[in-house]
Amino acid sequence: MVTNRIEFTIDGEPIAKGRVRSFKLPNGQIRHYTPKETVHYENLVRLFFSHAKPGDWIPHDGPVEMLVIAYFSIPKSWPRWKKRLAESERMKACCRRDWDNVGKVVSDALNEIAYKDDRQVTDPTVMKRYSPRPRVEVTLVFHKPYDKEDTA
């Protein structure tokens, strides 16, 4: 049973989750950090979610379906016929950013905000398309947690 559904759009070029970087300090210790671009984009995702959620929202503790549709800008170098096709927003974007990293940046950003942990995302779907208006559309469907009555 669905308990809630939240949809929001993040305007701008989609960003993929960046790899954690490491560097060695002079004393031999190793420090790890997340690239600034990833941190900024995760904050942007949180901001758009906070505007879309109900005012009394608490992080969900049941199963979550997640649909992420990433619309990438159309390359300027393409011929006119290909640009026209891409403008329909149905042309699949197969040459930009890995699908799993696009979904991962959204999923990680919503930890402890939309849901308690991204392990609760049971049915993730990530789609990549071209568009004259780059953006990421996110749909979250929250299901009630299971209980003993579900076995009856």
N, C-alpha and C. Protein backbone atom coordinates (compact mmCIF):
# COMPACT_ATOMS: atom_id res chain seq x y z
N MET A 1 0.84 -1.19 0.00
CA MET A 1 0.00 0.00 0.00
C MET A 1 0.88 1.25 0.00
N VAL A 2 0.54 2.21 -0.84
CA VAL A 2 1.29 3.45 -0.95
C VAL A 2 0.85 4.39 0.17
N THR A 3 1.82 4.96 0.88
CA THR A 3 1.48 5.91 1.92
C THR A 3 1.70 7.34 1.47
N ASN A 4 2.61 7.56 0.54
CA ASN A 4 2.89 8.92 0.10
C ASN A 4 3.69 8.89 -1.18
N ARG A 5 3.60 9.98 -1.95
CA ARG A 5 4.34 10.13 -3.20
C ARG A 5 4.83 11.56 -3.25
N ILE A 6 6.11 11.73 -3.54
CA ILE A 6 6.69 13.08 -3.64
C ILE A 6 7.44 13.16 -4.97
N GLU A 7 7.18 14.24 -5.70
CA GLU A 7 7.85 14.49 -6.97
C GLU A 7 8.51 15.86 -6.92
N PHE A 8 9.72 15.96 -7.46
CA PHE A 8 10.38 17.26 -7.55
C PHE A 8 11.36 17.25 -8.71
N THR A 9 11.72 18.44 -9.17
CA THR A 9 12.63 18.61 -10.30
C THR A 9 13.81 19.46 -9.88
N ILE A 10 15.00 19.01 -10.25
CA ILE A 10 16.23 19.75 -9.99
C ILE A 10 16.67 20.35 -11.32
N ASP A 11 16.57 21.65 -11.46
CA ASP A 11 16.94 22.30 -12.72
C ASP A 11 18.45 22.33 -12.89
N GLY A 12 18.88 22.26 -14.13
CA GLY A 12 20.31 22.32 -14.45
C GLY A 12 20.84 20.97 -14.91
N GLU A 13 22.05 20.99 -15.40
CA GLU A 13 22.70 19.79 -15.94
C GLU A 13 22.82 18.71 -14.85
N PRO A 14 22.42 17.47 -15.14
CA PRO A 14 22.56 16.40 -14.16
C PRO A 14 24.02 16.15 -13.82
N ILE A 15 24.27 15.85 -12.56
CA ILE A 15 25.62 15.56 -12.07
C ILE A 15 25.64 14.12 -11.58
N ALA A 16 26.71 13.41 -11.87
CA ALA A 16 26.88 12.05 -11.39
C ALA A 16 27.68 12.06 -10.10
N LYS A 17 27.48 11.05 -9.27
CA LYS A 17 28.22 10.93 -8.02
C LYS A 17 29.70 10.79 -8.34
N GLY A 18 30.51 11.67 -7.77
CA GLY A 18 31.95 11.62 -7.99
C GLY A 18 32.62 10.63 -7.06
N ARG A 19 33.71 10.07 -7.50
CA ARG A 19 34.47 9.13 -6.68
C ARG A 19 35.10 9.83 -5.49
N VAL A 20 35.13 9.15 -4.37
CA VAL A 20 35.82 9.69 -3.20
C VAL A 20 37.30 9.78 -3.54
N ARG A 21 37.90 10.89 -3.22
CA ARG A 21 39.33 11.13 -3.49
C ARG A 21 40.12 10.97 -2.19
N SER A 22 41.39 10.69 -2.32
CA SER A 22 42.26 10.52 -1.15
C SER A 22 43.55 11.29 -1.36
N PHE A 23 44.14 11.71 -0.25
CA PHE A 23 45.46 12.31 -0.32
C PHE A 23 46.22 11.97 0.96
N LYS A 24 47.52 11.97 0.84
CA LYS A 24 48.39 11.60 1.95
C LYS A 24 48.94 12.85 2.62
N LEU A 25 48.80 12.92 3.93
CA LEU A 25 49.34 14.04 4.70
C LEU A 25 50.84 13.81 4.92
N PRO A 26 51.58 14.88 5.23
CA PRO A 26 53.03 14.73 5.47
C PRO A 26 53.35 13.73 6.58
N ASN A 27 52.42 13.58 7.55
CA ASN A 27 52.69 12.65 8.64
C ASN A 27 52.33 11.20 8.28
N GLY A 28 51.92 10.96 7.03
CA GLY A 28 51.64 9.60 6.58
C GLY A 28 50.16 9.21 6.64
N GLN A 29 49.35 10.01 7.31
CA GLN A 29 47.92 9.70 7.37
C GLN A 29 47.27 9.93 6.00
N ILE A 30 46.22 9.16 5.74
CA ILE A 30 45.48 9.31 4.49
C ILE A 30 44.13 9.92 4.80
N ARG A 31 43.77 10.96 4.07
CA ARG A 31 42.48 11.64 4.23
C ARG A 31 41.64 11.38 2.98
N HIS A 32 40.35 11.20 3.18
CA HIS A 32 39.42 10.98 2.09
C HIS A 32 38.44 12.15 2.04
N TYR A 33 38.03 12.52 0.84
CA TYR A 33 37.05 13.60 0.70
C TYR A 33 36.19 13.36 -0.54
N THR A 34 34.99 13.91 -0.50
CA THR A 34 34.08 13.86 -1.63
C THR A 34 34.30 15.12 -2.46
N PRO A 35 34.36 14.98 -3.79
CA PRO A 35 34.57 16.17 -4.64
C PRO A 35 33.50 17.24 -4.39
N LYS A 36 33.92 18.51 -4.45
CA LYS A 36 33.03 19.65 -4.18
C LYS A 36 31.78 19.63 -5.07
N GLU A 37 31.95 19.27 -6.34
CA GLU A 37 30.81 19.25 -7.26
C GLU A 37 29.73 18.29 -6.76
N THR A 38 30.12 17.13 -6.24
CA THR A 38 29.18 16.15 -5.71
C THR A 38 28.49 16.68 -4.46
N VAL A 39 29.26 17.28 -3.57
CA VAL A 39 28.71 17.82 -2.32
C VAL A 39 27.69 18.91 -2.64
N HIS A 40 28.02 19.81 -3.57
CA HIS A 40 27.11 20.90 -3.94
C HIS A 40 25.82 20.35 -4.55
N TYR A 41 25.96 19.34 -5.40
CA TYR A 41 24.77 18.78 -6.05
C TYR A 41 23.88 18.05 -5.04
N GLU A 42 24.48 17.31 -4.11
CA GLU A 42 23.69 16.64 -3.07
C GLU A 42 22.93 17.66 -2.24
N ASN A 43 23.55 18.79 -1.94
CA ASN A 43 22.86 19.85 -1.21
C ASN A 43 21.70 20.42 -2.02
N LEU A 44 21.88 20.53 -3.32
CA LEU A 44 20.82 21.01 -4.20
C LEU A 44 19.64 20.03 -4.21
N VAL A 45 19.93 18.74 -4.27
CA VAL A 45 18.88 17.71 -4.23
C VAL A 45 18.09 17.84 -2.92
N ARG A 46 18.80 17.98 -1.81
CA ARG A 46 18.14 18.13 -0.50
C ARG A 46 17.24 19.37 -0.47
N LEU A 47 17.72 20.45 -1.05
CA LEU A 47 16.95 21.69 -1.07
C LEU A 47 15.64 21.51 -1.83
N PHE A 48 15.71 20.92 -3.02
CA PHE A 48 14.50 20.72 -3.81
C PHE A 48 13.55 19.73 -3.14
N PHE A 49 14.10 18.70 -2.49
CA PHE A 49 13.23 17.77 -1.75
C PHE A 49 12.54 18.49 -0.60
N SER A 50 13.27 19.35 0.11
CA SER A 50 12.68 20.03 1.26
C SER A 50 11.54 20.96 0.84
N HIS A 51 11.58 21.49 -0.38
CA HIS A 51 10.48 22.33 -0.88
C HIS A 51 9.28 21.48 -1.30
N ALA A 52 9.52 20.23 -1.70
CA ALA A 52 8.44 19.37 -2.19
C ALA A 52 7.75 18.57 -1.10
N LYS A 53 8.43 18.32 0.00
CA LYS A 53 7.88 17.46 1.06
C LYS A 53 6.83 18.17 1.88
N PRO A 54 5.93 17.40 2.49
CA PRO A 54 4.97 18.02 3.42
C PRO A 54 5.71 18.59 4.62
N GLY A 55 5.12 19.59 5.26
CA GLY A 55 5.77 20.27 6.38
C GLY A 55 6.06 19.39 7.57
N ASP A 56 5.27 18.36 7.80
CA ASP A 56 5.45 17.49 8.96
C ASP A 56 6.22 16.21 8.63
N TRP A 57 7.00 16.23 7.56
CA TRP A 57 7.69 15.03 7.08
C TRP A 57 8.77 14.55 8.05
N ILE A 58 8.79 13.26 8.32
CA ILE A 58 9.89 12.62 9.04
C ILE A 58 10.43 11.53 8.13
N PRO A 59 11.72 11.22 8.22
CA PRO A 59 12.28 10.21 7.32
C PRO A 59 11.50 8.90 7.39
N HIS A 60 11.15 8.39 6.22
CA HIS A 60 10.34 7.19 6.08
C HIS A 60 11.14 5.95 6.49
N ASP A 61 10.45 4.95 7.02
CA ASP A 61 11.17 3.73 7.44
C ASP A 61 10.68 2.48 6.72
N GLY A 62 9.91 2.63 5.65
CA GLY A 62 9.44 1.48 4.87
C GLY A 62 10.09 1.46 3.49
N PRO A 63 9.62 0.55 2.63
CA PRO A 63 10.16 0.45 1.27
C PRO A 63 9.88 1.71 0.45
N VAL A 64 10.80 2.02 -0.45
CA VAL A 64 10.69 3.23 -1.29
C VAL A 64 10.99 2.86 -2.74
N GLU A 65 10.13 3.32 -3.63
CA GLU A 65 10.40 3.23 -5.07
C GLU A 65 10.99 4.57 -5.49
N MET A 66 12.01 4.52 -6.35
CA MET A 66 12.64 5.77 -6.80
C MET A 66 12.77 5.77 -8.31
N LEU A 67 12.23 6.80 -8.94
CA LEU A 67 12.39 7.01 -10.37
C LEU A 67 13.17 8.30 -10.57
N VAL A 68 14.29 8.20 -11.28
CA VAL A 68 15.13 9.37 -11.59
C VAL A 68 15.21 9.46 -13.11
N ILE A 69 14.75 10.59 -13.65
CA ILE A 69 14.89 10.82 -15.10
C ILE A 69 15.82 12.01 -15.27
N ALA A 70 16.99 11.74 -15.84
CA ALA A 70 18.00 12.78 -16.05
C ALA A 70 17.94 13.25 -17.50
N TYR A 71 17.71 14.54 -17.68
CA TYR A 71 17.66 15.14 -19.01
C TYR A 71 18.94 15.93 -19.21
N PHE A 72 19.77 15.48 -20.14
CA PHE A 72 21.05 16.14 -20.42
C PHE A 72 20.89 17.13 -21.57
N SER A 73 21.74 18.16 -21.58
CA SER A 73 21.68 19.14 -22.65
C SER A 73 22.11 18.49 -23.97
N ILE A 74 21.59 19.02 -25.05
CA ILE A 74 21.87 18.50 -26.39
C ILE A 74 23.21 19.05 -26.86
N PRO A 75 24.14 18.20 -27.28
CA PRO A 75 25.45 18.68 -27.74
C PRO A 75 25.31 19.67 -28.90
N LYS A 76 26.02 20.76 -28.82
CA LYS A 76 25.96 21.80 -29.85
C LYS A 76 26.57 21.31 -31.17
N SER A 77 27.45 20.33 -31.11
CA SER A 77 28.13 19.85 -32.31
C SER A 77 27.27 18.92 -33.17
N TRP A 78 26.11 18.53 -32.67
CA TRP A 78 25.27 17.60 -33.42
C TRP A 78 24.66 18.26 -34.66
N PRO A 79 24.37 17.47 -35.70
CA PRO A 79 23.68 18.02 -36.86
C PRO A 79 22.23 18.37 -36.52
N ARG A 80 21.61 19.23 -37.34
CA ARG A 80 20.25 19.70 -37.07
C ARG A 80 19.24 18.57 -36.89
N TRP A 81 19.31 17.53 -37.74
CA TRP A 81 18.32 16.45 -37.67
C TRP A 81 18.39 15.74 -36.33
N LYS A 82 19.60 15.58 -35.82
CA LYS A 82 19.76 14.88 -34.55
C LYS A 82 19.31 15.76 -33.37
N LYS A 83 19.58 17.05 -33.48
CA LYS A 83 19.11 17.99 -32.44
C LYS A 83 17.60 18.01 -32.37
N ARG A 84 16.93 18.03 -33.56
CA ARG A 84 15.46 18.02 -33.58
C ARG A 84 14.92 16.76 -32.92
N LEU A 85 15.53 15.65 -33.18
CA LEU A 85 15.12 14.39 -32.56
C LEU A 85 15.30 14.44 -31.05
N ALA A 86 16.41 14.99 -30.60
CA ALA A 86 16.70 15.09 -29.17
C ALA A 86 15.76 16.06 -28.47
N GLU A 87 15.29 17.08 -29.17
CA GLU A 87 14.39 18.06 -28.57
C GLU A 87 13.05 17.46 -28.16
N SER A 88 12.72 16.30 -28.68
CA SER A 88 11.46 15.63 -28.31
C SER A 88 11.52 15.04 -26.89
N GLU A 89 12.69 15.00 -26.30
CA GLU A 89 12.95 14.46 -24.96
C GLU A 89 12.70 12.95 -24.86
N ARG A 90 12.66 12.29 -26.03
CA ARG A 90 12.52 10.83 -26.03
C ARG A 90 13.82 10.15 -26.41
N MET A 91 14.78 10.91 -26.91
CA MET A 91 16.05 10.33 -27.35
C MET A 91 16.88 9.94 -26.13
N LYS A 92 17.28 8.69 -26.08
CA LYS A 92 18.04 8.18 -24.95
C LYS A 92 19.47 8.71 -24.98
N ALA A 93 19.96 9.12 -23.83
CA ALA A 93 21.32 9.65 -23.72
C ALA A 93 22.25 8.52 -23.28
N CYS A 94 22.94 7.93 -24.24
CA CYS A 94 23.77 6.77 -23.90
C CYS A 94 25.25 7.10 -23.77
N CYS A 95 25.62 8.31 -24.00
CA CYS A 95 27.05 8.64 -24.00
C CYS A 95 27.47 9.55 -22.86
N ARG A 96 26.58 9.85 -21.96
CA ARG A 96 26.91 10.76 -20.87
C ARG A 96 26.74 10.07 -19.54
N ARG A 97 27.66 10.24 -18.66
CA ARG A 97 27.58 9.81 -17.27
C ARG A 97 26.92 8.45 -17.06
N ASP A 98 27.49 7.63 -16.21
CA ASP A 98 26.92 6.32 -15.90
C ASP A 98 25.59 6.47 -15.19
N TRP A 99 24.61 5.67 -15.58
CA TRP A 99 23.26 5.74 -15.00
C TRP A 99 23.29 5.53 -13.50
N ASP A 100 24.12 4.60 -13.03
CA ASP A 100 24.11 4.29 -11.60
C ASP A 100 24.67 5.44 -10.76
N ASN A 101 25.61 6.18 -11.30
CA ASN A 101 26.16 7.33 -10.57
C ASN A 101 25.19 8.51 -10.54
N VAL A 102 24.36 8.62 -11.57
CA VAL A 102 23.33 9.67 -11.59
C VAL A 102 22.29 9.35 -10.51
N GLY A 103 21.87 8.10 -10.43
CA GLY A 103 20.91 7.70 -9.40
C GLY A 103 21.51 7.74 -8.01
N LYS A 104 22.78 7.38 -7.90
CA LYS A 104 23.44 7.32 -6.59
C LYS A 104 23.54 8.69 -5.94
N VAL A 105 23.81 9.73 -6.71
CA VAL A 105 23.93 11.06 -6.11
C VAL A 105 22.59 11.50 -5.51
N VAL A 106 21.48 11.15 -6.17
CA VAL A 106 20.16 11.49 -5.65
C VAL A 106 19.86 10.63 -4.42
N SER A 107 20.10 9.35 -4.55
CA SER A 107 19.81 8.41 -3.46
C SER A 107 20.59 8.75 -2.19
N ASP A 108 21.88 9.03 -2.33
CA ASP A 108 22.71 9.37 -1.17
C ASP A 108 22.29 10.70 -0.54
N ALA A 109 21.92 11.66 -1.38
CA ALA A 109 21.54 12.98 -0.87
C ALA A 109 20.29 12.90 0.01
N LEU A 110 19.41 11.95 -0.25
CA LEU A 110 18.15 11.86 0.47
C LEU A 110 18.22 10.98 1.72
N ASN A 111 19.40 10.41 2.00
CA ASN A 111 19.59 9.64 3.24
C ASN A 111 19.27 10.50 4.45
N GLU A 112 18.52 9.94 5.38
CA GLU A 112 18.15 10.58 6.64
C GLU A 112 17.28 11.83 6.45
N ILE A 113 16.83 12.08 5.22
CA ILE A 113 15.95 13.21 4.96
C ILE A 113 14.61 12.70 4.41
N ALA A 114 14.66 11.96 3.31
CA ALA A 114 13.44 11.38 2.73
C ALA A 114 13.16 10.03 3.37
N TYR A 115 14.21 9.29 3.64
CA TYR A 115 14.11 7.96 4.24
C TYR A 115 15.30 7.80 5.18
N LYS A 116 15.22 6.79 6.03
CA LYS A 116 16.29 6.62 7.03
C LYS A 116 17.60 6.20 6.38
N ASP A 117 17.53 5.32 5.37
CA ASP A 117 18.75 4.86 4.71
C ASP A 117 18.40 4.45 3.28
N ASP A 118 19.32 4.66 2.35
CA ASP A 118 19.01 4.32 0.96
C ASP A 118 18.93 2.81 0.71
N ARG A 119 19.19 2.00 1.73
CA ARG A 119 18.94 0.55 1.60
C ARG A 119 17.45 0.27 1.43
N GLN A 120 16.61 1.22 1.81
CA GLN A 120 15.16 1.06 1.71
C GLN A 120 14.66 1.20 0.28
N VAL A 121 15.49 1.71 -0.62
CA VAL A 121 15.08 1.87 -2.01
C VAL A 121 15.09 0.49 -2.65
N THR A 122 13.87 0.00 -2.92
CA THR A 122 13.72 -1.37 -3.41
C THR A 122 13.58 -1.45 -4.92
N ASP A 123 13.04 -0.42 -5.53
CA ASP A 123 12.78 -0.43 -6.97
C ASP A 123 13.32 0.84 -7.61
N PRO A 124 14.65 0.93 -7.75
CA PRO A 124 15.21 2.14 -8.37
C PRO A 124 15.14 2.05 -9.89
N THR A 125 14.83 3.16 -10.51
CA THR A 125 14.84 3.25 -11.98
C THR A 125 15.53 4.57 -12.34
N VAL A 126 16.51 4.47 -13.23
CA VAL A 126 17.20 5.67 -13.70
C VAL A 126 17.11 5.68 -15.22
N MET A 127 16.60 6.77 -15.75
CA MET A 127 16.50 6.94 -17.20
C MET A 127 17.29 8.19 -17.60
N LYS A 128 17.93 8.12 -18.77
CA LYS A 128 18.70 9.26 -19.27
C LYS A 128 18.17 9.66 -20.64
N ARG A 129 17.91 10.95 -20.80
CA ARG A 129 17.37 11.48 -22.05
C ARG A 129 18.08 12.80 -22.37
N TYR A 130 17.89 13.27 -23.61
CA TYR A 130 18.37 14.59 -24.01
C TYR A 130 17.20 15.56 -23.98
N SER A 131 17.50 16.83 -23.73
CA SER A 131 16.46 17.85 -23.69
C SER A 131 17.08 19.23 -23.89
N PRO A 132 16.30 20.17 -24.44
CA PRO A 132 16.80 21.55 -24.50
C PRO A 132 16.80 22.18 -23.11
N ARG A 133 16.10 21.55 -22.15
CA ARG A 133 16.06 22.05 -20.76
C ARG A 133 16.63 20.98 -19.83
N PRO A 134 17.96 21.01 -19.56
CA PRO A 134 18.55 19.99 -18.70
C PRO A 134 18.00 20.06 -17.28
N ARG A 135 17.77 18.87 -16.69
CA ARG A 135 17.19 18.79 -15.36
C ARG A 135 17.18 17.34 -14.91
N VAL A 136 16.81 17.13 -13.66
CA VAL A 136 16.59 15.79 -13.13
C VAL A 136 15.22 15.79 -12.47
N GLU A 137 14.37 14.86 -12.89
CA GLU A 137 13.05 14.71 -12.30
C GLU A 137 13.09 13.49 -11.38
N VAL A 138 12.66 13.66 -10.14
CA VAL A 138 12.70 12.59 -9.14
C VAL A 138 11.28 12.31 -8.66
N THR A 139 10.92 11.04 -8.65
CA THR A 139 9.65 10.60 -8.08
C THR A 139 9.95 9.56 -7.02
N LEU A 140 9.46 9.79 -5.82
CA LEU A 140 9.62 8.85 -4.71
C LEU A 140 8.23 8.35 -4.31
N VAL A 141 8.09 7.05 -4.22
CA VAL A 141 6.83 6.45 -3.77
C VAL A 141 7.15 5.69 -2.49
N PHE A 142 6.52 6.12 -1.41
CA PHE A 142 6.77 5.56 -0.10
C PHE A 142 5.67 4.55 0.25
N HIS A 143 6.09 3.35 0.61
CA HIS A 143 5.14 2.30 0.98
C HIS A 143 5.17 2.09 2.49
N LYS A 144 4.05 1.67 3.04
CA LYS A 144 4.00 1.46 4.50
C LYS A 144 4.93 0.30 4.85
N PRO A 145 5.54 0.38 6.04
CA PRO A 145 6.40 -0.73 6.50
C PRO A 145 5.55 -1.99 6.69
N TYR A 146 6.16 -3.12 6.51
CA TYR A 146 5.45 -4.39 6.70
C TYR A 146 5.26 -4.68 8.18
N ASP A 147 4.18 -5.35 8.51
CA ASP A 147 3.94 -5.78 9.89
C ASP A 147 3.29 -7.16 9.89
N LYS A 148 2.99 -7.70 11.06
CA LYS A 148 2.45 -9.06 11.19
C LYS A 148 1.15 -9.24 10.42
N GLU A 149 0.33 -8.20 10.35
CA GLU A 149 -0.96 -8.30 9.66
C GLU A 149 -0.80 -8.55 8.17
N ASP A 150 0.38 -8.25 7.61
CA ASP A 150 0.62 -8.48 6.19
C ASP A 150 0.70 -9.96 5.84
N THR A 151 0.91 -10.82 6.83
CA THR A 151 1.02 -12.26 6.57
C THR A 151 -0.33 -12.94 6.58
N ALA A 152 -1.36 -12.26 7.07
CA ALA A 152 -2.69 -12.88 7.17
C ALA A 152 -3.38 -12.98 5.83
